[in-house]
Protein backbone atom coordinates (compact mmCIF):
# COMPACT_ATOMS: atom_id res chain seq x y z
CA MET A 1 -106.33 -116.36 162.38
CA ALA A 2 -106.00 -116.84 158.62
CA THR A 3 -107.77 -119.73 156.97
CA VAL A 4 -105.45 -122.18 155.26
CA LYS A 5 -106.70 -123.85 152.12
CA ARG A 6 -105.13 -126.91 150.59
CA TRP A 7 -105.19 -127.54 146.88
CA THR A 8 -103.61 -130.67 145.49
CA VAL A 9 -102.58 -131.65 142.00
CA ASP A 10 -102.32 -135.28 140.98
CA VAL A 11 -100.14 -135.95 137.94
CA LEU A 12 -100.95 -139.24 136.21
CA ILE A 13 -98.52 -140.49 133.56
CA ASP A 14 -99.06 -143.30 131.07
CA GLU A 15 -96.51 -144.56 128.54
CA HIS A 16 -97.12 -146.72 125.48
CA GLY A 17 -94.92 -147.32 122.45
CA GLY A 18 -92.80 -144.18 122.62
CA ARG A 19 -95.73 -141.95 123.55
CA THR A 20 -96.32 -140.46 126.97
CA HIS A 21 -99.63 -139.00 128.15
CA ALA A 22 -99.97 -136.99 131.35
CA GLU A 23 -102.96 -135.53 133.17
CA ALA A 24 -102.61 -132.91 135.91
CA ARG A 25 -105.80 -132.94 138.00
CA LEU A 26 -106.49 -130.03 140.36
CA HIS A 27 -108.49 -130.75 143.51
CA SER A 28 -109.35 -127.46 145.20
CA GLY A 29 -112.28 -128.49 147.36
CA GLU A 30 -114.55 -126.50 145.06
CA THR A 31 -117.15 -128.03 142.77
CA ALA A 32 -115.18 -127.26 139.59
CA ARG A 33 -112.24 -129.53 138.89
CA LEU A 34 -109.71 -128.81 136.22
CA THR A 35 -107.56 -131.27 134.29
CA GLY A 36 -104.57 -130.29 132.21
CA ILE A 37 -103.39 -132.58 129.42
CA GLY A 38 -99.86 -133.04 128.14
CA ASN A 39 -98.31 -135.40 125.61
CA ALA A 40 -94.80 -136.28 124.48
CA ARG A 41 -93.49 -138.68 121.90
CA LEU A 42 -90.12 -140.26 121.33
CA ASN A 43 -88.33 -139.19 118.19
CA PRO A 44 -87.30 -142.49 116.53
CA ALA A 45 -83.78 -141.10 116.07
CA ASP A 46 -83.37 -140.45 119.81
CA THR A 47 -82.36 -142.77 122.61
CA ASP A 48 -85.34 -143.89 124.67
CA VAL A 49 -85.10 -142.23 128.10
CA PRO A 50 -88.56 -142.67 129.65
CA ALA A 51 -87.94 -140.09 132.40
CA ILE A 52 -87.56 -137.36 129.76
CA GLY A 53 -90.92 -138.22 128.19
CA ASP A 54 -92.49 -138.21 131.66
CA GLU A 55 -91.01 -134.79 132.44
CA LEU A 56 -92.08 -133.26 129.15
CA ALA A 57 -95.63 -134.63 129.23
CA ALA A 58 -96.03 -133.61 132.91
CA ALA A 59 -94.69 -130.11 132.20
CA ARG A 60 -97.14 -129.69 129.34
CA ALA A 61 -100.03 -130.96 131.48
CA LEU A 62 -99.15 -128.56 134.31
CA SER A 63 -98.82 -125.68 131.84
CA ASP A 64 -102.24 -126.52 130.38
CA LEU A 65 -103.70 -126.69 133.89
CA GLY A 66 -102.23 -123.28 134.74
CA HIS A 67 -103.73 -121.78 131.58
CA GLN A 68 -107.14 -123.26 132.38
CA LEU A 69 -106.95 -121.84 135.90
CA LEU A 70 -106.24 -118.35 134.50
CA VAL A 71 -109.17 -118.64 132.07
CA THR A 72 -111.46 -119.80 134.89
CA THR A 73 -110.29 -116.95 137.11
CA ALA A 74 -110.92 -114.38 134.37
CA ALA A 75 -114.44 -115.74 133.81
CA ASP A 76 -115.20 -115.68 137.55
CA LEU A 77 -113.85 -112.15 137.88
CA ARG A 78 -115.80 -111.00 134.82
CA ALA A 79 -118.99 -112.39 136.41
CA ALA A 80 -118.21 -110.62 139.70
CA VAL A 81 -117.42 -107.17 138.24
CA GLY A 82 -119.78 -107.24 135.28
CA HIS A 83 -117.29 -106.53 132.51
CA PRO A 84 -114.46 -108.34 130.71
CA VAL A 85 -111.12 -108.44 132.49
CA ARG A 86 -107.55 -109.02 131.42
CA LEU A 87 -105.20 -110.82 133.78
CA GLY A 88 -101.60 -109.72 133.38
CA ALA A 89 -98.45 -111.13 134.87
């Protein structure tokens, strides 16, 4: 039977004065934890729609987390095979 692993990502969002900050925290059960950061700010000329700032900051945090996970994977693979690797799509 295959082993099922569960990874979770918590997205924490904080808003202050037209600025939104998000952190996407990966919990994989491993010792290394990764946190992606994303920010958004309200253009003073735009209507304040907090959900849009939340979405943008969260998307940026998740994108940053994904990038960090790729970098971590490449480093782990490089250590395993003994030479630099390039991860493609």
